[in-house]
């Protein structure tokens, strides 16, 4: 059997509807749980920050054009992108990295549900609700899902001292294996690259 290229692996994963593994439950120290709970609970104001600067407007138009085939509804697409930008930036992540992760995890399907029970755009496992959320947390809600997913990825990056490869492995429950980190990085760089890449792109 021929060795599959990264592009073929990514295509197969996306055709199958996203990644199959998911975050693994790990006991958290009380201080870590408290910090993550605070990060989840500190909700944004109902109105997202205005995209008033020319740079942000250009980012929004560019990403909207790239996402149009996957999300035909323009109003919903704009809300999604503004929320991704807000939650990713809030967590200290590159919004384009988060878009790449969402592409691999759910194919931009809001109600994606994996066989393991992972939910929504960023395929967040329900055990996180008990660990750091509350009984009202709905992982199919746009902002809730992105808030949890970005906070979890930030947590894994902190554990791994900024090593994106290992953090993505933890996110997918495949720590130490190259397939998933390579898929996310491939989607990020091929479909969502933007001139200003953060330090996360060079762990």
C-alpha atoms as a PDB file:
ATOM      1  CA  UNK A   1       0.000   0.000   0.000  1.00  0.00           C
ATOM      2  CA  UNK A   2       1.371   3.409  -0.947  1.00  0.00           C
ATOM      3  CA  UNK A   3       2.254   5.809   1.821  1.00  0.00           C
ATOM      4  CA  UNK A   4      -0.450   8.486   2.121  1.00  0.00           C
ATOM      5  CA  UNK A   5       0.600  12.097   1.790  1.00  0.00           C
ATOM      6  CA  UNK A   6      -0.519  14.670   4.347  1.00  0.00           C
ATOM      7  CA  UNK A   7      -2.920  16.122   1.765  1.00  0.00           C
ATOM      8  CA  UNK A   8      -4.581  12.746   1.175  1.00  0.00           C
ATOM      9  CA  UNK A   9      -4.851  12.074   4.908  1.00  0.00           C
ATOM     10  CA  UNK A  10      -6.461  15.477   5.426  1.00  0.00           C
ATOM     11  CA  UNK A  11      -8.896  14.903   2.558  1.00  0.00           C
ATOM     12  CA  UNK A  12      -9.920  11.521   3.934  1.00  0.00           C
ATOM     13  CA  UNK A  13     -10.455  12.922   7.400  1.00  0.00           C
ATOM     14  CA  UNK A  14     -12.589  15.779   6.133  1.00  0.00           C
ATOM     15  CA  UNK A  15     -14.610  13.470   3.911  1.00  0.00           C
ATOM     16  CA  UNK A  16     -15.317  11.324   6.961  1.00  0.00           C
ATOM     17  CA  UNK A  17     -16.716  14.334   8.768  1.00  0.00           C
ATOM     18  CA  UNK A  18     -13.758  15.305  10.917  1.00  0.00           C
ATOM     19  CA  UNK A  19     -11.479  13.858  13.523  1.00  0.00           C
ATOM     20  CA  UNK A  20     -12.480  10.657  15.303  1.00  0.00           C
ATOM     21  CA  UNK A  21     -10.557  10.861  18.566  1.00  0.00           C
ATOM     22  CA  UNK A  22     -11.347  13.451  21.213  1.00  0.00           C
ATOM     23  CA  UNK A  23     -10.122  15.055  24.392  1.00  0.00           C
ATOM     24  CA  UNK A  24      -9.372  12.608  27.191  1.00  0.00           C
ATOM     25  CA  UNK A  25     -10.536  13.111  30.749  1.00  0.00           C
ATOM     26  CA  UNK A  26      -7.675  14.030  33.064  1.00  0.00           C
ATOM     27  CA  UNK A  27      -8.038  14.995  36.735  1.00  0.00           C
ATOM     28  CA  UNK A  28      -7.349  18.695  37.243  1.00  0.00           C
ATOM     29  CA  UNK A  29      -5.890  20.386  40.291  1.00  0.00           C
ATOM     30  CA  UNK A  30      -8.434  22.542  42.123  1.00  0.00           C
ATOM     31  CA  UNK A  31      -6.531  25.691  41.190  1.00  0.00           C
ATOM     32  CA  UNK A  32      -6.549  24.726  37.503  1.00  0.00           C
ATOM     33  CA  UNK A  33     -10.250  23.901  37.572  1.00  0.00           C
ATOM     34  CA  UNK A  34     -10.987  27.231  39.227  1.00  0.00           C
ATOM     35  CA  UNK A  35      -8.936  29.146  36.652  1.00  0.00           C
ATOM     36  CA  UNK A  36     -10.552  27.348  33.716  1.00  0.00           C
ATOM     37  CA  UNK A  37     -14.019  27.805  35.205  1.00  0.00           C
ATOM     38  CA  UNK A  38     -13.338  31.530  35.519  1.00  0.00           C
ATOM     39  CA  UNK A  39     -12.174  31.661  31.916  1.00  0.00           C
ATOM     40  CA  UNK A  40     -15.368  29.951  30.763  1.00  0.00           C
ATOM     41  CA  UNK A  41     -17.650  32.003  33.006  1.00  0.00           C
ATOM     42  CA  UNK A  42     -16.206  35.378  32.069  1.00  0.00           C
ATOM     43  CA  UNK A  43     -18.552  35.851  29.171  1.00  0.00           C
ATOM     44  CA  UNK A  44     -18.254  38.489  26.504  1.00  0.00           C
ATOM     45  CA  UNK A  45     -20.772  41.295  26.285  1.00  0.00           C
ATOM     46  CA  UNK A  46     -23.834  40.434  24.150  1.00  0.00           C
ATOM     47  CA  UNK A  47     -22.491  42.608  21.328  1.00  0.00           C
ATOM     48  CA  UNK A  48     -19.169  41.424  19.929  1.00  0.00           C
ATOM     49  CA  UNK A  49     -16.454  44.065  19.577  1.00  0.00           C
ATOM     50  CA  UNK A  50     -16.948  46.067  16.390  1.00  0.00           C
ATOM     51  CA  UNK A  51     -14.705  45.232  13.461  1.00  0.00           C
ATOM     52  CA  UNK A  52     -13.985  48.885  12.848  1.00  0.00           C
ATOM     53  CA  UNK A  53     -10.312  48.847  11.862  1.00  0.00           C
ATOM     54  CA  UNK A  54      -9.437  48.401   8.146  1.00  0.00           C
ATOM     55  CA  UNK A  55      -7.272  45.374   9.029  1.00  0.00           C
ATOM     56  CA  UNK A  56     -10.099  43.604  10.857  1.00  0.00           C
ATOM     57  CA  UNK A  57     -12.529  44.447   8.068  1.00  0.00           C
ATOM     58  CA  UNK A  58     -10.125  42.966   5.521  1.00  0.00           C
ATOM     59  CA  UNK A  59      -9.684  39.828   7.652  1.00  0.00           C
ATOM     60  CA  UNK A  60     -13.436  39.422   7.911  1.00  0.00           C
ATOM     61  CA  UNK A  61     -14.010  39.845   4.161  1.00  0.00           C
ATOM     62  CA  UNK A  62     -11.169  37.502   3.248  1.00  0.00           C
ATOM     63  CA  UNK A  63     -12.226  34.739   5.635  1.00  0.00           C
ATOM     64  CA  UNK A  64     -15.871  35.172   4.673  1.00  0.00           C
ATOM     65  CA  UNK A  65     -15.021  34.629   0.993  1.00  0.00           C
ATOM     66  CA  UNK A  66     -13.065  31.484   1.861  1.00  0.00           C
ATOM     67  CA  UNK A  67     -15.861  30.127   4.035  1.00  0.00           C
ATOM     68  CA  UNK A  68     -18.778  30.994   1.742  1.00  0.00           C
ATOM     69  CA  UNK A  69     -19.129  27.532   0.164  1.00  0.00           C
ATOM     70  CA  UNK A  70     -19.210  25.846   3.560  1.00  0.00           C
ATOM     71  CA  UNK A  71     -21.516  28.456   5.160  1.00  0.00           C
ATOM     72  CA  UNK A  72     -23.752  29.982   2.468  1.00  0.00           C
ATOM     73  CA  UNK A  73     -25.739  32.181   4.888  1.00  0.00           C
ATOM     74  CA  UNK A  74     -23.816  35.454   5.030  1.00  0.00           C
ATOM     75  CA  UNK A  75     -25.244  36.745   8.310  1.00  0.00           C
ATOM     76  CA  UNK A  76     -24.545  33.458  10.081  1.00  0.00           C
ATOM     77  CA  UNK A  77     -21.085  33.292   8.522  1.00  0.00           C
ATOM     78  CA  UNK A  78     -20.206  36.787   9.752  1.00  0.00           C
ATOM     79  CA  UNK A  79     -21.420  36.036  13.261  1.00  0.00           C
ATOM     80  CA  UNK A  80     -19.399  32.822  13.262  1.00  0.00           C
ATOM     81  CA  UNK A  81     -16.196  34.524  12.083  1.00  0.00           C
ATOM     82  CA  UNK A  82     -16.501  37.423  14.519  1.00  0.00           C
ATOM     83  CA  UNK A  83     -17.016  34.940  17.345  1.00  0.00           C
ATOM     84  CA  UNK A  84     -14.045  32.829  16.252  1.00  0.00           C
ATOM     85  CA  UNK A  85     -11.853  35.931  16.112  1.00  0.00           C
ATOM     86  CA  UNK A  86     -13.039  37.159  19.506  1.00  0.00           C
ATOM     87  CA  UNK A  87     -12.746  33.844  21.372  1.00  0.00           C
ATOM     88  CA  UNK A  88      -9.442  32.856  19.766  1.00  0.00           C
ATOM     89  CA  UNK A  89      -7.857  36.241  20.461  1.00  0.00           C
ATOM     90  CA  UNK A  90      -9.240  36.223  23.989  1.00  0.00           C
ATOM     91  CA  UNK A  91      -7.531  32.868  24.601  1.00  0.00           C
ATOM     92  CA  UNK A  92      -4.267  34.006  23.026  1.00  0.00           C
ATOM     93  CA  UNK A  93      -4.701  31.833  19.934  1.00  0.00           C
ATOM     94  CA  UNK A  94      -4.384  32.589  16.247  1.00  0.00           C
ATOM     95  CA  UNK A  95      -7.938  32.779  14.806  1.00  0.00           C
ATOM     96  CA  UNK A  96      -6.697  31.058  11.638  1.00  0.00           C
ATOM     97  CA  UNK A  97      -5.390  28.131  13.702  1.00  0.00           C
ATOM     98  CA  UNK A  98      -8.829  27.806  15.271  1.00  0.00           C
ATOM     99  CA  UNK A  99     -10.447  27.835  11.819  1.00  0.00           C
ATOM    100  CA  UNK A 100      -8.101  25.055  10.735  1.00  0.00           C
ATOM    101  CA  UNK A 101      -8.966  23.030  13.822  1.00  0.00           C
ATOM    102  CA  UNK A 102     -12.706  23.518  13.242  1.00  0.00           C
ATOM    103  CA  UNK A 103     -12.332  22.427   9.609  1.00  0.00           C
ATOM    104  CA  UNK A 104     -10.702  19.169  10.700  1.00  0.00           C
ATOM    105  CA  UNK A 105     -12.894  18.562  13.749  1.00  0.00           C
ATOM    106  CA  UNK A 106     -16.383  19.267  12.429  1.00  0.00           C
ATOM    107  CA  UNK A 107     -16.182  20.488   8.848  1.00  0.00           C
ATOM    108  CA  UNK A 108     -17.863  23.692  10.131  1.00  0.00           C
ATOM    109  CA  UNK A 109     -20.998  21.814  11.174  1.00  0.00           C
ATOM    110  CA  UNK A 110     -22.593  23.430  14.229  1.00  0.00           C
ATOM    111  CA  UNK A 111     -24.372  20.277  15.359  1.00  0.00           C
ATOM    112  CA  UNK A 112     -21.595  17.791  14.610  1.00  0.00           C
ATOM    113  CA  UNK A 113     -21.647  14.874  17.065  1.00  0.00           C
ATOM    114  CA  UNK A 114     -18.882  12.276  17.151  1.00  0.00           C
ATOM    115  CA  UNK A 115     -19.256   8.620  18.099  1.00  0.00           C
ATOM    116  CA  UNK A 116     -17.445   9.493  21.353  1.00  0.00           C
ATOM    117  CA  UNK A 117     -19.969  12.234  22.110  1.00  0.00           C
ATOM    118  CA  UNK A 118     -17.842  15.279  21.208  1.00  0.00           C
ATOM    119  CA  UNK A 119     -20.062  18.179  20.206  1.00  0.00           C
ATOM    120  CA  UNK A 120     -20.232  21.187  17.965  1.00  0.00           C
ATOM    121  CA  UNK A 121     -17.768  23.125  15.873  1.00  0.00           C
ATOM    122  CA  UNK A 122     -14.735  22.379  18.048  1.00  0.00           C
ATOM    123  CA  UNK A 123     -15.910  18.894  19.099  1.00  0.00           C
ATOM    124  CA  UNK A 124     -15.815  19.522  22.837  1.00  0.00           C
ATOM    125  CA  UNK A 125     -16.350  16.519  25.092  1.00  0.00           C
ATOM    126  CA  UNK A 126     -19.272  16.806  27.565  1.00  0.00           C
ATOM    127  CA  UNK A 127     -17.110  15.962  30.597  1.00  0.00           C
ATOM    128  CA  UNK A 128     -15.729  19.513  30.363  1.00  0.00           C
ATOM    129  CA  UNK A 129     -19.122  20.844  31.435  1.00  0.00           C
ATOM    130  CA  UNK A 130     -18.815  19.038  34.778  1.00  0.00           C
ATOM    131  CA  UNK A 131     -15.158  19.988  35.142  1.00  0.00           C
ATOM    132  CA  UNK A 132     -15.280  23.698  34.373  1.00  0.00           C
ATOM    133  CA  UNK A 133     -18.765  24.659  33.172  1.00  0.00           C
ATOM    134  CA  UNK A 134     -22.234  24.641  34.670  1.00  0.00           C
ATOM    135  CA  UNK A 135     -25.522  22.863  34.052  1.00  0.00           C
ATOM    136  CA  UNK A 136     -26.632  25.573  31.629  1.00  0.00           C
ATOM    137  CA  UNK A 137     -23.632  25.091  29.315  1.00  0.00           C
ATOM    138  CA  UNK A 138     -24.853  24.081  25.851  1.00  0.00           C
ATOM    139  CA  UNK A 139     -21.968  22.841  23.712  1.00  0.00           C
ATOM    140  CA  UNK A 140     -24.018  23.312  20.535  1.00  0.00           C
ATOM    141  CA  UNK A 141     -24.321  27.038  21.229  1.00  0.00           C
ATOM    142  CA  UNK A 142     -21.908  28.970  19.003  1.00  0.00           C
ATOM    143  CA  UNK A 143     -20.160  31.110  21.588  1.00  0.00           C
ATOM    144  CA  UNK A 144     -20.239  28.450  24.304  1.00  0.00           C
ATOM    145  CA  UNK A 145     -18.638  25.877  22.020  1.00  0.00           C
ATOM    146  CA  UNK A 146     -15.933  28.257  20.854  1.00  0.00           C
ATOM    147  CA  UNK A 147     -15.319  29.538  24.380  1.00  0.00           C
ATOM    148  CA  UNK A 148     -14.829  25.999  25.697  1.00  0.00           C
ATOM    149  CA  UNK A 149     -12.777  24.838  22.710  1.00  0.00           C
ATOM    150  CA  UNK A 150     -10.402  27.805  22.730  1.00  0.00           C
ATOM    151  CA  UNK A 151     -10.008  27.663  26.516  1.00  0.00           C
ATOM    152  CA  UNK A 152      -9.228  23.935  26.360  1.00  0.00           C
ATOM    153  CA  UNK A 153      -6.661  24.368  23.576  1.00  0.00           C
ATOM    154  CA  UNK A 154      -5.055  27.245  25.513  1.00  0.00           C
ATOM    155  CA  UNK A 155      -4.916  24.980  28.588  1.00  0.00           C
ATOM    156  CA  UNK A 156      -3.172  22.263  26.597  1.00  0.00           C
ATOM    157  CA  UNK A 157      -0.718  24.784  25.134  1.00  0.00           C
ATOM    158  CA  UNK A 158       0.116  25.950  28.642  1.00  0.00           C
ATOM    159  CA  UNK A 159       0.636  22.362  29.826  1.00  0.00           C
ATOM    160  CA  UNK A 160       2.932  21.730  26.868  1.00  0.00           C
ATOM    161  CA  UNK A 161       4.811  25.027  27.319  1.00  0.00           C
ATOM    162  CA  UNK A 162       3.708  26.357  23.941  1.00  0.00           C
ATOM    163  CA  UNK A 163       4.404  23.194  21.942  1.00  0.00           C
ATOM    164  CA  UNK A 164       1.560  23.278  19.401  1.00  0.00           C
ATOM    165  CA  UNK A 165       2.217  19.764  18.084  1.00  0.00           C
ATOM    166  CA  UNK A 166       1.758  18.233  21.530  1.00  0.00           C
ATOM    167  CA  UNK A 167      -1.117  20.541  22.470  1.00  0.00           C
ATOM    168  CA  UNK A 168      -3.057  19.510  19.361  1.00  0.00           C
ATOM    169  CA  UNK A 169      -2.329  15.871  20.160  1.00  0.00           C
ATOM    170  CA  UNK A 170      -3.861  16.371  23.595  1.00  0.00           C
ATOM    171  CA  UNK A 171      -6.868  18.137  22.091  1.00  0.00           C
ATOM    172  CA  UNK A 172      -7.537  15.155  19.859  1.00  0.00           C
ATOM    173  CA  UNK A 173      -6.612  12.507  22.416  1.00  0.00           C
ATOM    174  CA  UNK A 174      -3.709  11.358  20.246  1.00  0.00           C
ATOM    175  CA  UNK A 175      -0.712  12.786  22.079  1.00  0.00           C
ATOM    176  CA  UNK A 176       2.581  11.893  20.393  1.00  0.00           C
ATOM    177  CA  UNK A 177       1.010  10.914  17.058  1.00  0.00           C
ATOM    178  CA  UNK A 178       1.585  13.118  14.040  1.00  0.00           C
ATOM    179  CA  UNK A 179      -1.573  12.586  11.964  1.00  0.00           C
ATOM    180  CA  UNK A 180      -3.947  14.971  13.738  1.00  0.00           C
ATOM    181  CA  UNK A 181      -1.516  17.872  14.359  1.00  0.00           C
ATOM    182  CA  UNK A 182      -0.429  17.618  10.725  1.00  0.00           C
ATOM    183  CA  UNK A 183      -4.047  17.710   9.524  1.00  0.00           C
ATOM    184  CA  UNK A 184      -4.837  20.824  11.566  1.00  0.00           C
ATOM    185  CA  UNK A 185      -1.640  22.556  10.528  1.00  0.00           C
ATOM    186  CA  UNK A 186      -2.262  21.607   6.900  1.00  0.00           C
ATOM    187  CA  UNK A 187      -5.808  23.022   6.950  1.00  0.00           C
ATOM    188  CA  UNK A 188      -4.588  26.153   8.723  1.00  0.00           C
ATOM    189  CA  UNK A 189      -1.775  26.881   6.295  1.00  0.00           C
ATOM    190  CA  UNK A 190      -3.566  25.888   3.079  1.00  0.00           C
ATOM    191  CA  UNK A 191      -6.991  27.397   3.665  1.00  0.00           C
ATOM    192  CA  UNK A 192      -6.804  30.005   6.433  1.00  0.00           C
ATOM    193  CA  UNK A 193      -3.337  31.549   6.310  1.00  0.00           C
ATOM    194  CA  UNK A 194      -3.135  35.274   7.010  1.00  0.00           C
ATOM    195  CA  UNK A 195      -0.119  37.621   6.901  1.00  0.00           C
ATOM    196  CA  UNK A 196       0.025  38.124  10.671  1.00  0.00           C
ATOM    197  CA  UNK A 197       0.688  34.664  12.102  1.00  0.00           C
ATOM    198  CA  UNK A 198       1.103  34.542  15.870  1.00  0.00           C
ATOM    199  CA  UNK A 199       3.868  32.854  17.824  1.00  0.00           C
ATOM    200  CA  UNK A 200       1.621  29.776  18.034  1.00  0.00           C
ATOM    201  CA  UNK A 201       2.648  28.947  14.473  1.00  0.00           C
ATOM    202  CA  UNK A 202       6.241  28.471  15.615  1.00  0.00           C
ATOM    203  CA  UNK A 203       6.144  26.454  18.828  1.00  0.00           C
END
